[in-house]
């Protein structure tokens, strides 16, 4: 698969990947924006459709989430296990958020479980 087209649907908390000619996303990172400053992007879940697994889509999505955060000058909190593993493998692209920001992200997620 060629690099997927990635769209940020911020209003719905979804970073979506589309394959060539695909009308529906073939992969998604579900995330939310932390209410408190520094308004981190918090990755909650990463999913790729089964027939598209192993094609680098999940990695492309997480990389784009970090790139978006960098452009906005905010950290990423990878609460999603895939995003956390990706961040460990790519420390040059995935700065570690402060403990305070991680705590705030976990608290917001617990307080609003309907975020995903």
PDB file of N, CA and C in Angstrom:
ATOM      1  N   UNK A   1       0.848  -1.188   0.000  1.00  0.00           N
ATOM      2  CA  UNK A   1       0.000   0.000   0.000  1.00  0.00           C
ATOM      3  C   UNK A   1       0.883   1.237   0.000  1.00  0.00           C
ATOM      4  N   UNK A   2       0.519   2.201  -0.818  1.00  0.00           N
ATOM      5  CA  UNK A   2       1.208   3.488  -0.794  1.00  0.00           C
ATOM      6  C   UNK A   2       0.898   4.164   0.540  1.00  0.00           C
ATOM      7  N   UNK A   3       1.655   5.210   0.843  1.00  0.00           N
ATOM      8  CA  UNK A   3       1.379   5.931   2.089  1.00  0.00           C
ATOM      9  C   UNK A   3      -0.096   6.309   2.134  1.00  0.00           C
ATOM     10  N   UNK A   4      -0.733   6.035   3.270  1.00  0.00           N
ATOM     11  CA  UNK A   4      -2.158   6.363   3.359  1.00  0.00           C
ATOM     12  C   UNK A   4      -2.370   7.869   3.453  1.00  0.00           C
ATOM     13  N   UNK A   5      -3.523   8.298   2.998  1.00  0.00           N
ATOM     14  CA  UNK A   5      -3.947   9.677   3.194  1.00  0.00           C
ATOM     15  C   UNK A   5      -4.443   9.757   4.631  1.00  0.00           C
ATOM     16  N   UNK A   6      -3.922  10.696   5.408  1.00  0.00           N
ATOM     17  CA  UNK A   6      -4.310  10.812   6.811  1.00  0.00           C
ATOM     18  C   UNK A   6      -5.047  12.126   7.004  1.00  0.00           C
ATOM     19  N   UNK A   7      -6.213  12.018   7.642  1.00  0.00           N
ATOM     20  CA  UNK A   7      -7.047  13.196   7.916  1.00  0.00           C
ATOM     21  C   UNK A   7      -7.282  13.297   9.409  1.00  0.00           C
ATOM     22  N   UNK A   8      -7.200  14.526   9.915  1.00  0.00           N
ATOM     23  CA  UNK A   8      -7.458  14.786  11.328  1.00  0.00           C
ATOM     24  C   UNK A   8      -8.898  15.254  11.482  1.00  0.00           C
ATOM     25  N   UNK A   9      -9.715  14.436  12.106  1.00  0.00           N
ATOM     26  CA  UNK A   9     -11.100  14.786  12.417  1.00  0.00           C
ATOM     27  C   UNK A   9     -11.125  15.191  13.890  1.00  0.00           C
ATOM     28  N   UNK A  10     -10.581  16.349  14.178  1.00  0.00           N
ATOM     29  CA  UNK A  10     -10.406  16.825  15.563  1.00  0.00           C
ATOM     30  C   UNK A  10     -11.731  16.875  16.308  1.00  0.00           C
ATOM     31  N   UNK A  11     -12.782  17.298  15.633  1.00  0.00           N
ATOM     32  CA  UNK A  11     -14.084  17.427  16.293  1.00  0.00           C
ATOM     33  C   UNK A  11     -14.564  16.105  16.868  1.00  0.00           C
ATOM     34  N   UNK A  12     -14.193  15.005  16.232  1.00  0.00           N
ATOM     35  CA  UNK A  12     -14.600  13.678  16.696  1.00  0.00           C
ATOM     36  C   UNK A  12     -13.461  12.900  17.343  1.00  0.00           C
ATOM     37  N   UNK A  13     -12.297  13.550  17.493  1.00  0.00           N
ATOM     38  CA  UNK A  13     -11.170  12.904  18.147  1.00  0.00           C
ATOM     39  C   UNK A  13     -10.636  11.708  17.396  1.00  0.00           C
ATOM     40  N   UNK A  14     -10.498  11.858  16.092  1.00  0.00           N
ATOM     41  CA  UNK A  14     -10.035  10.734  15.267  1.00  0.00           C
ATOM     42  C   UNK A  14      -9.016  11.212  14.235  1.00  0.00           C
ATOM     43  N   UNK A  15      -7.901  10.515  14.189  1.00  0.00           N
ATOM     44  CA  UNK A  15      -6.937  10.679  13.121  1.00  0.00           C
ATOM     45  C   UNK A  15      -7.145   9.456  12.241  1.00  0.00           C
ATOM     46  N   UNK A  16      -7.597   9.664  11.005  1.00  0.00           N
ATOM     47  CA  UNK A  16      -8.027   8.556  10.150  1.00  0.00           C
ATOM     48  C   UNK A  16      -7.104   8.378   8.951  1.00  0.00           C
ATOM     49  N   UNK A  17      -6.846   7.117   8.618  1.00  0.00           N
ATOM     50  CA  UNK A  17      -6.031   6.773   7.446  1.00  0.00           C
ATOM     51  C   UNK A  17      -6.934   6.165   6.385  1.00  0.00           C
ATOM     52  N   UNK A  18      -6.769   6.640   5.154  1.00  0.00           N
ATOM     53  CA  UNK A  18      -7.540   6.138   4.025  1.00  0.00           C
ATOM     54  C   UNK A  18      -6.594   5.542   2.999  1.00  0.00           C
ATOM     55  N   UNK A  19      -6.937   4.366   2.516  1.00  0.00           N
ATOM     56  CA  UNK A  19      -6.182   3.765   1.433  1.00  0.00           C
ATOM     57  C   UNK A  19      -6.626   4.355   0.114  1.00  0.00           C
ATOM     58  N   UNK A  20      -5.904   4.041  -0.931  1.00  0.00           N
ATOM     59  CA  UNK A  20      -6.229   4.567  -2.252  1.00  0.00           C
ATOM     60  C   UNK A  20      -7.647   4.184  -2.650  1.00  0.00           C
ATOM     61  N   UNK A  21      -8.473   5.192  -2.861  1.00  0.00           N
ATOM     62  CA  UNK A  21      -9.846   4.962  -3.287  1.00  0.00           C
ATOM     63  C   UNK A  21     -10.780   4.439  -2.208  1.00  0.00           C
ATOM     64  N   UNK A  22     -10.296   4.312  -0.986  1.00  0.00           N
ATOM     65  CA  UNK A  22     -11.138   3.782   0.088  1.00  0.00           C
ATOM     66  C   UNK A  22     -12.081   4.867   0.598  1.00  0.00           C
ATOM     67  N   UNK A  23     -13.392   4.594   0.599  1.00  0.00           N
ATOM     68  CA  UNK A  23     -14.350   5.593   1.078  1.00  0.00           C
ATOM     69  C   UNK A  23     -14.387   5.691   2.608  1.00  0.00           C
ATOM     70  N   UNK A  24     -13.995   4.634   3.264  1.00  0.00           N
ATOM     71  CA  UNK A  24     -14.005   4.599   4.733  1.00  0.00           C
ATOM     72  C   UNK A  24     -12.563   4.449   5.226  1.00  0.00           C
ATOM     73  N   UNK A  25     -12.299   4.886   6.440  1.00  0.00           N
ATOM     74  CA  UNK A  25     -10.936   4.751   6.970  1.00  0.00           C
ATOM     75  C   UNK A  25     -10.530   3.283   7.101  1.00  0.00           C
ATOM     76  N   UNK A  26      -9.246   3.031   6.836  1.00  0.00           N
ATOM     77  CA  UNK A  26      -8.701   1.684   7.024  1.00  0.00           C
ATOM     78  C   UNK A  26      -7.960   1.587   8.352  1.00  0.00           C
ATOM     79  N   UNK A  27      -7.773   2.732   9.002  1.00  0.00           N
ATOM     80  CA  UNK A  27      -7.134   2.771  10.314  1.00  0.00           C
ATOM     81  C   UNK A  27      -7.454   4.070  11.010  1.00  0.00           C
ATOM     82  N   UNK A  28      -7.338   4.044  12.346  1.00  0.00           N
ATOM     83  CA  UNK A  28      -7.683   5.236  13.118  1.00  0.00           C
ATOM     84  C   UNK A  28      -6.918   5.250  14.436  1.00  0.00           C
ATOM     85  N   UNK A  29      -6.539   6.455  14.854  1.00  0.00           N
ATOM     86  CA  UNK A  29      -6.088   6.703  16.220  1.00  0.00           C
ATOM     87  C   UNK A  29      -7.185   7.543  16.849  1.00  0.00           C
ATOM     88  N   UNK A  30      -7.754   7.024  17.933  1.00  0.00           N
ATOM     89  CA  UNK A  30      -8.755   7.767  18.689  1.00  0.00           C
ATOM     90  C   UNK A  30      -7.985   8.565  19.742  1.00  0.00           C
ATOM     91  N   UNK A  31      -8.272   9.853  19.833  1.00  0.00           N
ATOM     92  CA  UNK A  31      -7.538  10.700  20.769  1.00  0.00           C
ATOM     93  C   UNK A  31      -8.436  11.812  21.292  1.00  0.00           C
ATOM     94  N   UNK A  32      -7.954  12.493  22.315  1.00  0.00           N
ATOM     95  CA  UNK A  32      -8.629  13.693  22.781  1.00  0.00           C
ATOM     96  C   UNK A  32      -7.587  14.738  23.117  1.00  0.00           C
ATOM     97  N   UNK A  33      -8.053  15.978  23.232  1.00  0.00           N
ATOM     98  CA  UNK A  33      -7.179  17.086  23.593  1.00  0.00           C
ATOM     99  C   UNK A  33      -7.357  17.332  25.085  1.00  0.00           C
ATOM    100  N   UNK A  34      -6.266  17.333  25.804  1.00  0.00           N
ATOM    101  CA  UNK A  34      -6.303  17.569  27.239  1.00  0.00           C
ATOM    102  C   UNK A  34      -6.872  18.957  27.512  1.00  0.00           C
ATOM    103  N   UNK A  35      -7.848  19.030  28.419  1.00  0.00           N
ATOM    104  CA  UNK A  35      -8.480  20.309  28.732  1.00  0.00           C
ATOM    105  C   UNK A  35      -7.489  21.312  29.321  1.00  0.00           C
ATOM    106  N   UNK A  36      -6.646  20.846  30.231  1.00  0.00           N
ATOM    107  CA  UNK A  36      -5.696  21.724  30.921  1.00  0.00           C
ATOM    108  C   UNK A  36      -4.466  21.976  30.045  1.00  0.00           C
ATOM    109  N   UNK A  37      -3.865  23.144  30.224  1.00  0.00           N
ATOM    110  CA  UNK A  37      -2.606  23.425  29.520  1.00  0.00           C
ATOM    111  C   UNK A  37      -1.588  22.381  29.963  1.00  0.00           C
ATOM    112  N   UNK A  38      -0.791  21.869  29.064  1.00  0.00           N
ATOM    113  CA  UNK A  38      -0.474  22.359  27.726  1.00  0.00           C
ATOM    114  C   UNK A  38      -1.335  21.777  26.611  1.00  0.00           C
ATOM    115  N   UNK A  39      -2.540  21.299  26.920  1.00  0.00           N
ATOM    116  CA  UNK A  39      -3.487  20.817  25.916  1.00  0.00           C
ATOM    117  C   UNK A  39      -2.896  19.695  25.052  1.00  0.00           C
ATOM    118  N   UNK A  40      -2.280  18.732  25.695  1.00  0.00           N
ATOM    119  CA  UNK A  40      -1.667  17.590  25.024  1.00  0.00           C
ATOM    120  C   UNK A  40      -2.680  16.841  24.171  1.00  0.00           C
ATOM    121  N   UNK A  41      -2.172  16.146  23.167  1.00  0.00           N
ATOM    122  CA  UNK A  41      -2.985  15.206  22.392  1.00  0.00           C
ATOM    123  C   UNK A  41      -2.808  13.853  23.077  1.00  0.00           C
ATOM    124  N   UNK A  42      -3.915  13.230  23.452  1.00  0.00           N
ATOM    125  CA  UNK A  42      -3.872  11.992  24.229  1.00  0.00           C
ATOM    126  C   UNK A  42      -4.381  10.843  23.374  1.00  0.00           C
ATOM    127  N   UNK A  43      -3.476   9.951  22.975  1.00  0.00           N
ATOM    128  CA  UNK A  43      -3.833   8.782  22.164  1.00  0.00           C
ATOM    129  C   UNK A  43      -4.445   7.722  23.066  1.00  0.00           C
ATOM    130  N   UNK A  44      -5.665   7.300  22.729  1.00  0.00           N
ATOM    131  CA  UNK A  44      -6.399   6.358  23.558  1.00  0.00           C
ATOM    132  C   UNK A  44      -6.477   4.974  22.913  1.00  0.00           C
ATOM    133  N   UNK A  45      -6.565   4.922  21.599  1.00  0.00           N
ATOM    134  CA  UNK A  45      -6.770   3.630  20.936  1.00  0.00           C
ATOM    135  C   UNK A  45      -6.305   3.731  19.490  1.00  0.00           C
ATOM    136  N   UNK A  46      -5.655   2.684  19.003  1.00  0.00           N
ATOM    137  CA  UNK A  46      -5.236   2.616  17.600  1.00  0.00           C
ATOM    138  C   UNK A  46      -5.779   1.319  17.011  1.00  0.00           C
ATOM    139  N   UNK A  47      -6.447   1.438  15.870  1.00  0.00           N
ATOM    140  CA  UNK A  47      -7.034   0.272  15.214  1.00  0.00           C
ATOM    141  C   UNK A  47      -6.775   0.355  13.715  1.00  0.00           C
ATOM    142  N   UNK A  48      -6.428  -0.789  13.129  1.00  0.00           N
ATOM    143  CA  UNK A  48      -6.304  -0.906  11.677  1.00  0.00           C
ATOM    144  C   UNK A  48      -7.184  -2.072  11.251  1.00  0.00           C
ATOM    145  N   UNK A  49      -7.951  -1.877  10.191  1.00  0.00           N
ATOM    146  CA  UNK A  49      -8.803  -2.951   9.678  1.00  0.00           C
ATOM    147  C   UNK A  49      -7.933  -4.171   9.372  1.00  0.00           C
ATOM    148  N   UNK A  50      -8.453  -5.334   9.701  1.00  0.00           N
ATOM    149  CA  UNK A  50      -7.677  -6.584   9.613  1.00  0.00           C
ATOM    150  C   UNK A  50      -7.006  -6.787   8.257  1.00  0.00           C
ATOM    151  N   UNK A  51      -7.712  -6.502   7.188  1.00  0.00           N
ATOM    152  CA  UNK A  51      -7.126  -6.733   5.853  1.00  0.00           C
ATOM    153  C   UNK A  51      -6.018  -5.743   5.501  1.00  0.00           C
ATOM    154  N   UNK A  52      -5.817  -4.723   6.343  1.00  0.00           N
ATOM    155  CA  UNK A  52      -4.773  -3.724   6.107  1.00  0.00           C
ATOM    156  C   UNK A  52      -3.661  -3.773   7.149  1.00  0.00           C
ATOM    157  N   UNK A  53      -3.733  -4.742   8.051  1.00  0.00           N
ATOM    158  CA  UNK A  53      -2.697  -4.869   9.077  1.00  0.00           C
ATOM    159  C   UNK A  53      -1.354  -5.226   8.430  1.00  0.00           C
ATOM    160  N   UNK A  54      -0.278  -4.813   9.091  1.00  0.00           N
ATOM    161  CA  UNK A  54       1.056  -5.142   8.623  1.00  0.00           C
ATOM    162  C   UNK A  54       1.549  -4.291   7.469  1.00  0.00           C
ATOM    163  N   UNK A  55       0.865  -3.216   7.179  1.00  0.00           N
ATOM    164  CA  UNK A  55       1.237  -2.352   6.049  1.00  0.00           C
ATOM    165  C   UNK A  55       1.791  -1.005   6.510  1.00  0.00           C
ATOM    166  N   UNK A  56       2.022  -0.849   7.810  1.00  0.00           N
ATOM    167  CA  UNK A  56       2.591   0.391   8.319  1.00  0.00           C
ATOM    168  C   UNK A  56       1.588   1.493   8.588  1.00  0.00           C
ATOM    169  N   UNK A  57       0.301   1.171   8.525  1.00  0.00           N
ATOM    170  CA  UNK A  57      -0.728   2.190   8.692  1.00  0.00           C
ATOM    171  C   UNK A  57      -0.762   2.716  10.119  1.00  0.00           C
ATOM    172  N   UNK A  58      -0.715   1.819  11.097  1.00  0.00           N
ATOM    173  CA  UNK A  58      -0.752   2.252  12.501  1.00  0.00           C
ATOM    174  C   UNK A  58       0.440   3.155  12.806  1.00  0.00           C
ATOM    175  N   UNK A  59       1.607   2.775  12.332  1.00  0.00           N
ATOM    176  CA  UNK A  59       2.795   3.598  12.546  1.00  0.00           C
ATOM    177  C   UNK A  59       2.676   4.962  11.886  1.00  0.00           C
ATOM    178  N   UNK A  60       2.119   4.989  10.678  1.00  0.00           N
ATOM    179  CA  UNK A  60       1.932   6.266   9.982  1.00  0.00           C
ATOM    180  C   UNK A  60       0.962   7.163  10.746  1.00  0.00           C
ATOM    181  N   UNK A  61      -0.078   6.569  11.320  1.00  0.00           N
ATOM    182  CA  UNK A  61      -1.042   7.345  12.102  1.00  0.00           C
ATOM    183  C   UNK A  61      -0.399   7.937  13.353  1.00  0.00           C
ATOM    184  N   UNK A  62       0.329   7.123  14.085  1.00  0.00           N
ATOM    185  CA  UNK A  62       0.952   7.608  15.319  1.00  0.00           C
ATOM    186  C   UNK A  62       2.023   8.648  14.995  1.00  0.00           C
ATOM    187  N   UNK A  63       2.795   8.417  13.955  1.00  0.00           N
ATOM    188  CA  UNK A  63       3.800   9.399  13.540  1.00  0.00           C
ATOM    189  C   UNK A  63       3.129  10.739  13.228  1.00  0.00           C
ATOM    190  N   UNK A  64       2.006  10.709  12.548  1.00  0.00           N
ATOM    191  CA  UNK A  64       1.297  11.946  12.214  1.00  0.00           C
ATOM    192  C   UNK A  64       0.732  12.609  13.459  1.00  0.00           C
ATOM    193  N   UNK A  65       0.277  11.827  14.441  1.00  0.00           N
ATOM    194  CA  UNK A  65      -0.204  12.423  15.690  1.00  0.00           C
ATOM    195  C   UNK A  65       0.924  13.189  16.364  1.00  0.00           C
ATOM    196  N   UNK A  66       2.122  12.593  16.426  1.00  0.00           N
ATOM    197  CA  UNK A  66       3.275  13.284  17.010  1.00  0.00           C
ATOM    198  C   UNK A  66       3.667  14.504  16.184  1.00  0.00           C
ATOM    199  N   UNK A  67       3.594  14.405  14.868  1.00  0.00           N
ATOM    200  CA  UNK A  67       3.936  15.553  14.016  1.00  0.00           C
ATOM    201  C   UNK A  67       2.932  16.688  14.217  1.00  0.00           C
ATOM    202  N   UNK A  68       1.664  16.348  14.346  1.00  0.00           N
ATOM    203  CA  UNK A  68       0.638  17.354  14.593  1.00  0.00           C
ATOM    204  C   UNK A  68       0.898  18.052  15.919  1.00  0.00           C
ATOM    205  N   UNK A  69       1.182  17.265  16.949  1.00  0.00           N
ATOM    206  CA  UNK A  69       1.474  17.831  18.272  1.00  0.00           C
ATOM    207  C   UNK A  69       2.685  18.752  18.204  1.00  0.00           C
ATOM    208  N   UNK A  70       3.712  18.342  17.475  1.00  0.00           N
ATOM    209  CA  UNK A  70       4.918  19.165  17.357  1.00  0.00           C
ATOM    210  C   UNK A  70       4.590  20.501  16.677  1.00  0.00           C
ATOM    211  N   UNK A  71       3.770  20.460  15.630  1.00  0.00           N
ATOM    212  CA  UNK A  71       3.381  21.694  14.943  1.00  0.00           C
ATOM    213  C   UNK A  71       2.593  22.612  15.869  1.00  0.00           C
ATOM    214  N   UNK A  72       1.813  22.020  16.772  1.00  0.00           N
ATOM    215  CA  UNK A  72       0.995  22.797  17.695  1.00  0.00           C
ATOM    216  C   UNK A  72       1.729  23.153  18.986  1.00  0.00           C
ATOM    217  N   UNK A  73       2.929  22.606  19.161  1.00  0.00           N
ATOM    218  CA  UNK A  73       3.725  22.907  20.345  1.00  0.00           C
ATOM    219  C   UNK A  73       3.183  22.282  21.628  1.00  0.00           C
ATOM    220  N   UNK A  74       2.550  21.109  21.488  1.00  0.00           N
ATOM    221  CA  UNK A  74       2.009  20.408  22.653  1.00  0.00           C
ATOM    222  C   UNK A  74       2.566  18.986  22.693  1.00  0.00           C
ATOM    223  N   UNK A  75       2.559  18.367  23.872  1.00  0.00           N
ATOM    224  CA  UNK A  75       3.036  16.982  23.954  1.00  0.00           C
ATOM    225  C   UNK A  75       1.958  15.978  23.528  1.00  0.00           C
ATOM    226  N   UNK A  76       2.395  14.748  23.353  1.00  0.00           N
ATOM    227  CA  UNK A  76       1.495  13.621  23.142  1.00  0.00           C
ATOM    228  C   UNK A  76       1.591  12.741  24.375  1.00  0.00           C
ATOM    229  N   UNK A  77       0.441  12.268  24.841  1.00  0.00           N
ATOM    230  CA  UNK A  77       0.401  11.287  25.925  1.00  0.00           C
ATOM    231  C   UNK A  77      -0.106   9.988  25.299  1.00  0.00           C
ATOM    232  N   UNK A  78       0.763   9.002  25.141  1.00  0.00           N
ATOM    233  CA  UNK A  78       0.368   7.759  24.489  1.00  0.00           C
ATOM    234  C   UNK A  78      -0.233   6.754  25.480  1.00  0.00           C
ATOM    235  N   UNK A  79      -1.519   6.914  25.815  1.00  0.00           N
ATOM    236  CA  UNK A  79      -2.177   5.955  26.695  1.00  0.00           C
ATOM    237  C   UNK A  79      -2.524   4.666  25.955  1.00  0.00           C
ATOM    238  N   UNK A  80      -2.610   4.737  24.661  1.00  0.00           N
ATOM    239  CA  UNK A  80      -2.824   3.565  23.809  1.00  0.00           C
ATOM    240  C   UNK A  80      -1.550   2.722  23.815  1.00  0.00           C
ATOM    241  N   UNK A  81      -1.685   1.419  24.005  1.00  0.00           N
ATOM    242  CA  UNK A  81      -0.496   0.556  24.089  1.00  0.00           C
ATOM    243  C   UNK A  81       0.321   0.581  22.799  1.00  0.00           C
ATOM    244  N   UNK A  82      -0.337   0.617  21.636  1.00  0.00           N
ATOM    245  CA  UNK A  82       0.422   0.664  20.388  1.00  0.00           C
ATOM    246  C   UNK A  82       1.217   1.960  20.293  1.00  0.00           C
ATOM    247  N   UNK A  83       0.573   3.082  20.586  1.00  0.00           N
ATOM    248  CA  UNK A  83       1.257   4.377  20.509  1.00  0.00           C
ATOM    249  C   UNK A  83       2.420   4.430  21.493  1.00  0.00           C
ATOM    250  N   UNK A  84       2.244   3.843  22.674  1.00  0.00           N
ATOM    251  CA  UNK A  84       3.320   3.832  23.671  1.00  0.00           C
ATOM    252  C   UNK A  84       4.511   3.016  23.170  1.00  0.00           C
ATOM    253  N   UNK A  85       4.248   1.864  22.567  1.00  0.00           N
ATOM    254  CA  UNK A  85       5.339   1.033  22.022  1.00  0.00           C
ATOM    255  C   UNK A  85       6.027   1.742  20.858  1.00  0.00           C
ATOM    256  N   UNK A  86       5.230   2.399  20.014  1.00  0.00           N
ATOM    257  CA  UNK A  86       5.807   3.136  18.891  1.00  0.00           C
ATOM    258  C   UNK A  86       6.724   4.235  19.420  1.00  0.00           C
ATOM    259  N   UNK A  87       6.273   4.951  20.442  1.00  0.00           N
ATOM    260  CA  UNK A  87       7.066   6.043  21.021  1.00  0.00           C
ATOM    261  C   UNK A  87       8.387   5.522  21.581  1.00  0.00           C
ATOM    262  N   UNK A  88       8.363   4.361  22.216  1.00  0.00           N
ATOM    263  CA  UNK A  88       9.596   3.773  22.741  1.00  0.00           C
ATOM    264  C   UNK A  88      10.576   3.456  21.618  1.00  0.00           C
ATOM    265  N   UNK A  89      10.069   3.012  20.475  1.00  0.00           N
ATOM    266  CA  UNK A  89      10.924   2.657  19.330  1.00  0.00           C
ATOM    267  C   UNK A  89      11.400   3.881  18.547  1.00  0.00           C
ATOM    268  N   UNK A  90      10.761   5.028  18.748  1.00  0.00           N
ATOM    269  CA  UNK A  90      11.088   6.242  17.983  1.00  0.00           C
ATOM    270  C   UNK A  90      11.301   7.439  18.919  1.00  0.00           C
ATOM    271  N   UNK A  91      12.248   7.346  19.837  1.00  0.00           N
ATOM    272  CA  UNK A  91      12.425   8.430  20.811  1.00  0.00           C
ATOM    273  C   UNK A  91      12.790   9.769  20.173  1.00  0.00           C
ATOM    274  N   UNK A  92      13.392   9.742  18.990  1.00  0.00           N
ATOM    275  CA  UNK A  92      13.743  10.989  18.314  1.00  0.00           C
ATOM    276  C   UNK A  92      12.508  11.735  17.792  1.00  0.00           C
ATOM    277  N   UNK A  93      11.403  11.014  17.582  1.00  0.00           N
ATOM    278  CA  UNK A  93      10.166  11.621  17.087  1.00  0.00           C
ATOM    279  C   UNK A  93       9.095  11.745  18.171  1.00  0.00           C
ATOM    280  N   UNK A  94       9.342  11.114  19.319  1.00  0.00           N
ATOM    281  CA  UNK A  94       8.300  11.016  20.340  1.00  0.00           C
ATOM    282  C   UNK A  94       8.827  11.459  21.706  1.00  0.00           C
ATOM    283  N   UNK A  95       8.867  12.764  21.939  1.00  0.00           N
ATOM    284  CA  UNK A  95       9.325  13.245  23.238  1.00  0.00           C
ATOM    285  C   UNK A  95       8.443  12.692  24.361  1.00  0.00           C
ATOM    286  N   UNK A  96       9.065  12.389  25.479  1.00  0.00           N
ATOM    287  CA  UNK A  96       8.347  11.844  26.627  1.00  0.00           C
ATOM    288  C   UNK A  96       7.623  12.987  27.346  1.00  0.00           C
ATOM    289  N   UNK A  97       6.314  12.834  27.567  1.00  0.00           N
ATOM    290  CA  UNK A  97       5.576  13.893  28.270  1.00  0.00           C
ATOM    291  C   UNK A  97       5.915  13.883  29.756  1.00  0.00           C
ATOM    292  N   UNK A  98       5.695  14.995  30.407  1.00  0.00           N
ATOM    293  CA  UNK A  98       5.966  15.069  31.841  1.00  0.00           C
ATOM    294  C   UNK A  98       4.981  14.188  32.604  1.00  0.00           C
ATOM    295  N   UNK A  99       5.391  13.762  33.786  1.00  0.00           N
ATOM    296  CA  UNK A  99       4.512  12.956  34.638  1.00  0.00           C
ATOM    297  C   UNK A  99       3.224  13.706  34.952  1.00  0.00           C
ATOM    298  N   UNK A 100       3.330  15.006  35.130  1.00  0.00           N
ATOM    299  CA  UNK A 100       2.159  15.824  35.443  1.00  0.00           C
ATOM    300  C   UNK A 100       1.134  15.787  34.308  1.00  0.00           C
ATOM    301  N   UNK A 101       1.609  15.880  33.082  1.00  0.00           N
ATOM    302  CA  UNK A 101       0.710  15.845  31.924  1.00  0.00           C
ATOM    303  C   UNK A 101       0.080  14.460  31.796  1.00  0.00           C
ATOM    304  N   UNK A 102       0.857  13.412  32.022  1.00  0.00           N
ATOM    305  CA  UNK A 102       0.317  12.050  31.952  1.00  0.00           C
ATOM    306  C   UNK A 102      -0.770  11.865  33.013  1.00  0.00           C
ATOM    307  N   UNK A 103      -0.513  12.319  34.225  1.00  0.00           N
ATOM    308  CA  UNK A 103      -1.516  12.218  35.293  1.00  0.00           C
ATOM    309  C   UNK A 103      -2.796  12.962  34.911  1.00  0.00           C
ATOM    310  N   UNK A 104      -2.656  14.163  34.383  1.00  0.00           N
ATOM    311  CA  UNK A 104      -3.828  14.945  33.983  1.00  0.00           C
ATOM    312  C   UNK A 104      -4.613  14.230  32.876  1.00  0.00           C
ATOM    313  N   UNK A 105      -3.909  13.629  31.932  1.00  0.00           N
ATOM    314  CA  UNK A 105      -4.574  12.905  30.840  1.00  0.00           C
ATOM    315  C   UNK A 105      -5.341  11.703  31.386  1.00  0.00           C
ATOM    316  N   UNK A 106      -4.727  10.953  32.287  1.00  0.00           N
ATOM    317  CA  UNK A 106      -5.402   9.789  32.871  1.00  0.00           C
ATOM    318  C   UNK A 106      -6.624  10.217  33.684  1.00  0.00           C
ATOM    319  N   UNK A 107      -6.505  11.318  34.407  1.00  0.00           N
ATOM    320  CA  UNK A 107      -7.638  11.821  35.190  1.00  0.00           C
ATOM    321  C   UNK A 107      -8.790  12.245  34.279  1.00  0.00           C
ATOM    322  N   UNK A 108      -8.475  12.940  33.199  1.00  0.00           N
ATOM    323  CA  UNK A 108      -9.532  13.368  32.277  1.00  0.00           C
ATOM    324  C   UNK A 108     -10.196  12.165  31.634  1.00  0.00           C
ATOM    325  N   UNK A 109      -9.425  11.165  31.266  1.00  0.00           N
ATOM    326  CA  UNK A 109     -10.000   9.970  30.660  1.00  0.00           C
ATOM    327  C   UNK A 109     -10.919   9.245  31.651  1.00  0.00           C
ATOM    328  N   UNK A 110     -10.471   9.119  32.889  1.00  0.00           N
ATOM    329  CA  UNK A 110     -11.300   8.477  33.924  1.00  0.00           C
ATOM    330  C   UNK A 110     -12.586   9.264  34.172  1.00  0.00           C
ATOM    331  N   UNK A 111     -12.489  10.574  34.153  1.00  0.00           N
ATOM    332  CA  UNK A 111     -13.643  11.428  34.431  1.00  0.00           C
ATOM    333  C   UNK A 111     -14.634  11.452  33.268  1.00  0.00           C
ATOM    334  N   UNK A 112     -14.163  11.170  32.075  1.00  0.00           N
ATOM    335  CA  UNK A 112     -15.017  11.219  30.882  1.00  0.00           C
ATOM    336  C   UNK A 112     -14.773   9.973  30.031  1.00  0.00           C
ATOM    337  N   UNK A 113     -15.195   8.797  30.502  1.00  0.00           N
ATOM    338  CA  UNK A 113     -14.913   7.554  29.768  1.00  0.00           C
ATOM    339  C   UNK A 113     -15.568   7.502  28.405  1.00  0.00           C
ATOM    340  N   UNK A 114     -16.538   8.363  28.144  1.00  0.00           N
ATOM    341  CA  UNK A 114     -17.182   8.383  26.838  1.00  0.00           C
ATOM    342  C   UNK A 114     -16.319   9.037  25.768  1.00  0.00           C
ATOM    343  N   UNK A 115     -15.106   9.484  26.137  1.00  0.00           N
ATOM    344  CA  UNK A 115     -14.213  10.087  25.152  1.00  0.00           C
ATOM    345  C   UNK A 115     -13.821   9.084  24.052  1.00  0.00           C
ATOM    346  N   UNK A 116     -13.942   7.815  24.379  1.00  0.00           N
ATOM    347  CA  UNK A 116     -13.686   6.798  23.351  1.00  0.00           C
ATOM    348  C   UNK A 116     -14.497   5.623  23.667  1.00  0.00           C
TER     349      UNK A 116
END
